[in-house]
Each structure stands twice: as C-alpha cells, then as structure tokens.
C-alpha cells in the first residue's frame, strides 16, 4: 500500500469514495490548520470537508453534516 492519500475520501460505506483499507490506517484531517475528529468526507482538490454536526441523525441513521470550504490536509496518524 502506498503512503499517498486519495484526493477524496468518505467514512460512509455507501459512498463511492469509501476505502476501508485506507481508513484502517488511521487517517487524520487538518482543516484550516486544526485537527478535526468529526470529518465524514473530504476533498482536497475542491477544498472542502463535510463535518458531523452534533449527535443528530437523519431518518436513515446517518449523522447530519455541513459542508465547509477551506484548505484540507489529510495525513496518516502515527501509532
């Protein structure tokens, strides 16, 4: 496996951008210089993240998200 992260990645198994092998390697995301732990999906080339907002869920049980624009830096966490 390579040490490069995909341009776009999602934690939702129903998404075409879901990759279990990459997610198993403990991916971290810095958004606007801050580490975020509630990222549901990101896209580096378009410069946005989808963040889970609170504990609210939709009728299918998925977390409610909001899309924010800004610099996105994914990385592999150590350990």
N, C-alpha and C. Protein backbone atom coordinates (compact mmCIF):
# COMPACT_ATOMS: atom_id res chain seq x y z
N UNK A 1 0.84 -1.18 0.00
CA UNK A 1 0.00 0.00 0.00
C UNK A 1 0.89 1.24 0.00
N UNK A 2 0.47 2.27 -0.69
CA UNK A 2 1.25 3.50 -0.79
C UNK A 2 0.98 4.41 0.39
N UNK A 3 1.83 5.41 0.54
CA UNK A 3 1.65 6.38 1.62
C UNK A 3 0.95 7.63 1.16
N UNK A 4 0.32 7.59 -0.02
CA UNK A 4 -0.42 8.75 -0.51
C UNK A 4 -1.91 8.53 -0.23
N UNK A 5 -2.54 9.57 0.20
CA UNK A 5 -3.97 9.51 0.47
C UNK A 5 -4.76 9.89 -0.77
N UNK A 6 -5.98 9.36 -0.92
CA UNK A 6 -6.80 9.74 -2.06
C UNK A 6 -7.23 11.20 -1.99
N UNK A 7 -7.54 11.78 -3.14
CA UNK A 7 -8.00 13.17 -3.21
C UNK A 7 -9.32 13.34 -2.47
N UNK A 8 -10.14 12.31 -2.50
CA UNK A 8 -11.46 12.38 -1.85
C UNK A 8 -11.68 11.07 -1.10
N UNK A 9 -12.19 11.18 0.13
CA UNK A 9 -12.40 10.01 0.97
C UNK A 9 -13.62 10.21 1.84
N UNK A 10 -14.38 9.14 2.04
CA UNK A 10 -15.60 9.19 2.86
C UNK A 10 -15.58 8.04 3.85
N UNK A 11 -16.20 8.25 5.01
CA UNK A 11 -16.31 7.19 6.01
C UNK A 11 -17.62 6.41 5.86
N UNK A 12 -18.49 6.82 4.94
CA UNK A 12 -19.78 6.17 4.70
C UNK A 12 -19.60 5.00 3.73
N UNK A 13 -19.86 3.76 4.17
CA UNK A 13 -19.69 2.60 3.29
C UNK A 13 -20.55 2.64 2.03
N UNK A 14 -21.62 3.41 2.01
CA UNK A 14 -22.48 3.50 0.82
C UNK A 14 -21.91 4.47 -0.22
N UNK A 15 -20.89 5.23 0.13
CA UNK A 15 -20.32 6.22 -0.77
C UNK A 15 -19.34 5.58 -1.75
N UNK A 16 -19.27 6.08 -2.99
CA UNK A 16 -18.27 5.56 -3.93
C UNK A 16 -16.85 5.96 -3.54
N UNK A 17 -16.69 6.88 -2.61
CA UNK A 17 -15.37 7.34 -2.18
C UNK A 17 -14.90 6.66 -0.89
N UNK A 18 -15.61 5.65 -0.45
CA UNK A 18 -15.26 4.89 0.74
C UNK A 18 -14.13 3.93 0.40
N UNK A 19 -13.11 3.85 1.27
CA UNK A 19 -11.99 2.92 1.08
C UNK A 19 -11.60 2.37 2.45
N UNK A 20 -12.02 1.17 2.76
CA UNK A 20 -11.80 0.57 4.08
C UNK A 20 -10.31 0.38 4.36
N UNK A 21 -9.52 0.03 3.34
CA UNK A 21 -8.09 -0.20 3.55
C UNK A 21 -7.38 1.08 3.99
N UNK A 22 -7.73 2.20 3.37
CA UNK A 22 -7.11 3.48 3.74
C UNK A 22 -7.59 3.90 5.13
N UNK A 23 -8.87 3.77 5.41
CA UNK A 23 -9.40 4.18 6.71
C UNK A 23 -8.83 3.34 7.86
N UNK A 24 -8.47 2.09 7.58
CA UNK A 24 -7.90 1.22 8.61
C UNK A 24 -6.52 1.71 9.05
N UNK A 25 -5.91 2.57 8.26
CA UNK A 25 -4.57 3.09 8.59
C UNK A 25 -4.63 4.36 9.43
N UNK A 26 -5.79 4.70 9.98
CA UNK A 26 -5.96 5.83 10.90
C UNK A 26 -5.66 7.17 10.23
N UNK A 27 -6.57 7.61 9.42
CA UNK A 27 -6.43 8.87 8.68
C UNK A 27 -6.85 10.04 9.56
N UNK A 28 -6.05 11.08 9.57
CA UNK A 28 -6.38 12.32 10.26
C UNK A 28 -6.59 13.42 9.22
N UNK A 29 -7.34 14.45 9.59
CA UNK A 29 -7.60 15.56 8.67
C UNK A 29 -7.38 16.88 9.40
N UNK A 30 -6.55 17.74 8.81
CA UNK A 30 -6.40 19.11 9.29
C UNK A 30 -7.21 20.00 8.37
N UNK A 31 -8.09 20.79 8.96
CA UNK A 31 -8.92 21.72 8.19
C UNK A 31 -8.67 23.11 8.73
N UNK A 32 -8.21 24.00 7.88
CA UNK A 32 -7.85 25.36 8.27
C UNK A 32 -6.85 25.35 9.43
N UNK A 33 -5.92 24.39 9.40
CA UNK A 33 -4.86 24.33 10.40
C UNK A 33 -5.22 23.63 11.70
N UNK A 34 -6.45 23.17 11.86
CA UNK A 34 -6.89 22.49 13.09
C UNK A 34 -7.22 21.03 12.80
N UNK A 35 -6.79 20.14 13.71
CA UNK A 35 -7.15 18.73 13.57
C UNK A 35 -8.64 18.57 13.86
N UNK A 36 -9.33 17.88 12.96
CA UNK A 36 -10.76 17.63 13.12
C UNK A 36 -10.99 16.14 13.33
N UNK A 37 -11.89 15.81 14.24
CA UNK A 37 -12.19 14.41 14.52
C UNK A 37 -13.58 14.02 14.04
N UNK A 38 -14.35 14.98 13.53
CA UNK A 38 -15.72 14.70 13.12
C UNK A 38 -15.91 14.81 11.60
N UNK A 39 -14.86 14.52 10.83
CA UNK A 39 -14.92 14.61 9.37
C UNK A 39 -15.59 13.36 8.81
N UNK A 40 -16.65 13.56 8.05
CA UNK A 40 -17.35 12.45 7.40
C UNK A 40 -16.83 12.22 5.98
N UNK A 41 -16.39 13.30 5.33
CA UNK A 41 -15.89 13.21 3.95
C UNK A 41 -15.03 14.44 3.68
N UNK A 42 -14.03 14.28 2.82
CA UNK A 42 -13.22 15.43 2.43
C UNK A 42 -12.85 15.34 0.95
N UNK A 43 -12.50 16.49 0.37
CA UNK A 43 -11.99 16.55 -0.99
C UNK A 43 -10.89 17.62 -1.01
N UNK A 44 -9.66 17.20 -1.27
CA UNK A 44 -8.52 18.11 -1.25
C UNK A 44 -8.55 19.05 -2.44
N UNK A 45 -8.79 18.53 -3.65
CA UNK A 45 -8.72 19.35 -4.86
C UNK A 45 -9.80 20.43 -4.90
N UNK A 46 -10.97 20.15 -4.34
CA UNK A 46 -12.05 21.14 -4.32
C UNK A 46 -12.03 21.97 -3.03
N UNK A 47 -11.23 21.56 -2.03
CA UNK A 47 -11.06 22.32 -0.80
C UNK A 47 -12.28 22.38 0.10
N UNK A 48 -12.84 21.22 0.45
CA UNK A 48 -13.98 21.19 1.36
C UNK A 48 -13.96 19.94 2.23
N UNK A 49 -14.68 20.02 3.34
CA UNK A 49 -14.91 18.87 4.22
C UNK A 49 -16.39 18.85 4.60
N UNK A 50 -16.88 17.67 4.92
CA UNK A 50 -18.22 17.51 5.50
C UNK A 50 -18.01 17.10 6.94
N UNK A 51 -18.51 17.93 7.85
CA UNK A 51 -18.35 17.67 9.27
C UNK A 51 -19.68 17.29 9.89
N UNK A 52 -19.65 16.29 10.76
CA UNK A 52 -20.84 15.90 11.51
C UNK A 52 -21.16 17.01 12.51
N UNK A 53 -22.41 17.40 12.58
CA UNK A 53 -22.82 18.47 13.49
C UNK A 53 -23.65 17.88 14.62
N UNK A 54 -23.07 17.85 15.79
CA UNK A 54 -23.77 17.34 16.96
C UNK A 54 -24.03 15.84 16.88
N UNK A 55 -24.98 15.40 17.67
CA UNK A 55 -25.32 13.98 17.71
C UNK A 55 -26.59 13.68 16.90
N UNK A 56 -27.09 14.67 16.18
CA UNK A 56 -28.33 14.49 15.42
C UNK A 56 -28.13 13.50 14.28
N UNK A 57 -29.18 12.77 13.97
CA UNK A 57 -29.16 11.76 12.90
C UNK A 57 -30.33 12.00 11.96
N UNK A 58 -30.16 11.60 10.70
CA UNK A 58 -31.29 11.67 9.77
C UNK A 58 -32.16 10.43 9.94
N UNK A 59 -33.19 10.30 9.14
CA UNK A 59 -34.12 9.18 9.32
C UNK A 59 -33.52 7.82 8.96
N UNK A 60 -32.37 7.82 8.27
CA UNK A 60 -31.70 6.56 7.94
C UNK A 60 -30.60 6.22 8.93
N UNK A 61 -30.42 7.08 9.94
CA UNK A 61 -29.42 6.82 10.97
C UNK A 61 -28.05 7.41 10.69
N UNK A 62 -27.92 8.16 9.60
CA UNK A 62 -26.63 8.79 9.28
C UNK A 62 -26.51 10.12 10.01
N UNK A 63 -25.28 10.50 10.36
CA UNK A 63 -25.12 11.80 11.04
C UNK A 63 -25.44 12.96 10.11
N UNK A 64 -26.02 14.02 10.68
CA UNK A 64 -26.27 15.23 9.90
C UNK A 64 -24.94 15.93 9.70
N UNK A 65 -24.70 16.43 8.50
CA UNK A 65 -23.41 17.05 8.18
C UNK A 65 -23.60 18.43 7.57
N UNK A 66 -22.53 19.22 7.64
CA UNK A 66 -22.47 20.51 6.97
C UNK A 66 -21.17 20.54 6.17
N UNK A 67 -21.22 21.21 5.02
CA UNK A 67 -20.06 21.31 4.15
C UNK A 67 -19.37 22.65 4.39
N UNK A 68 -18.05 22.60 4.65
CA UNK A 68 -17.25 23.80 4.88
C UNK A 68 -16.12 23.86 3.87
N UNK A 69 -15.81 25.05 3.40
CA UNK A 69 -14.73 25.24 2.42
C UNK A 69 -13.49 25.80 3.10
N UNK A 70 -12.33 25.37 2.62
CA UNK A 70 -11.06 25.84 3.15
C UNK A 70 -9.97 24.84 2.84
N UNK A 71 -8.74 25.12 3.26
CA UNK A 71 -7.62 24.20 2.99
C UNK A 71 -7.76 22.90 3.78
N UNK A 72 -7.60 21.77 3.07
CA UNK A 72 -7.75 20.44 3.66
C UNK A 72 -6.41 19.71 3.55
N UNK A 73 -5.94 19.16 4.67
CA UNK A 73 -4.68 18.43 4.70
C UNK A 73 -4.88 17.06 5.36
N UNK A 74 -5.11 16.00 4.58
CA UNK A 74 -5.22 14.67 5.18
C UNK A 74 -3.83 14.11 5.47
N UNK A 75 -3.73 13.25 6.48
CA UNK A 75 -2.45 12.63 6.84
C UNK A 75 -2.72 11.32 7.57
N UNK A 76 -1.69 10.47 7.64
CA UNK A 76 -1.80 9.25 8.41
C UNK A 76 -1.31 9.54 9.83
N UNK A 77 -2.13 9.21 10.83
CA UNK A 77 -1.72 9.39 12.23
C UNK A 77 -0.73 8.30 12.58
N UNK A 78 0.20 8.64 13.43
CA UNK A 78 1.20 7.64 13.85
C UNK A 78 0.66 6.83 15.00
N UNK A 79 1.09 5.59 15.07
CA UNK A 79 0.73 4.74 16.20
C UNK A 79 -0.36 3.88 15.91
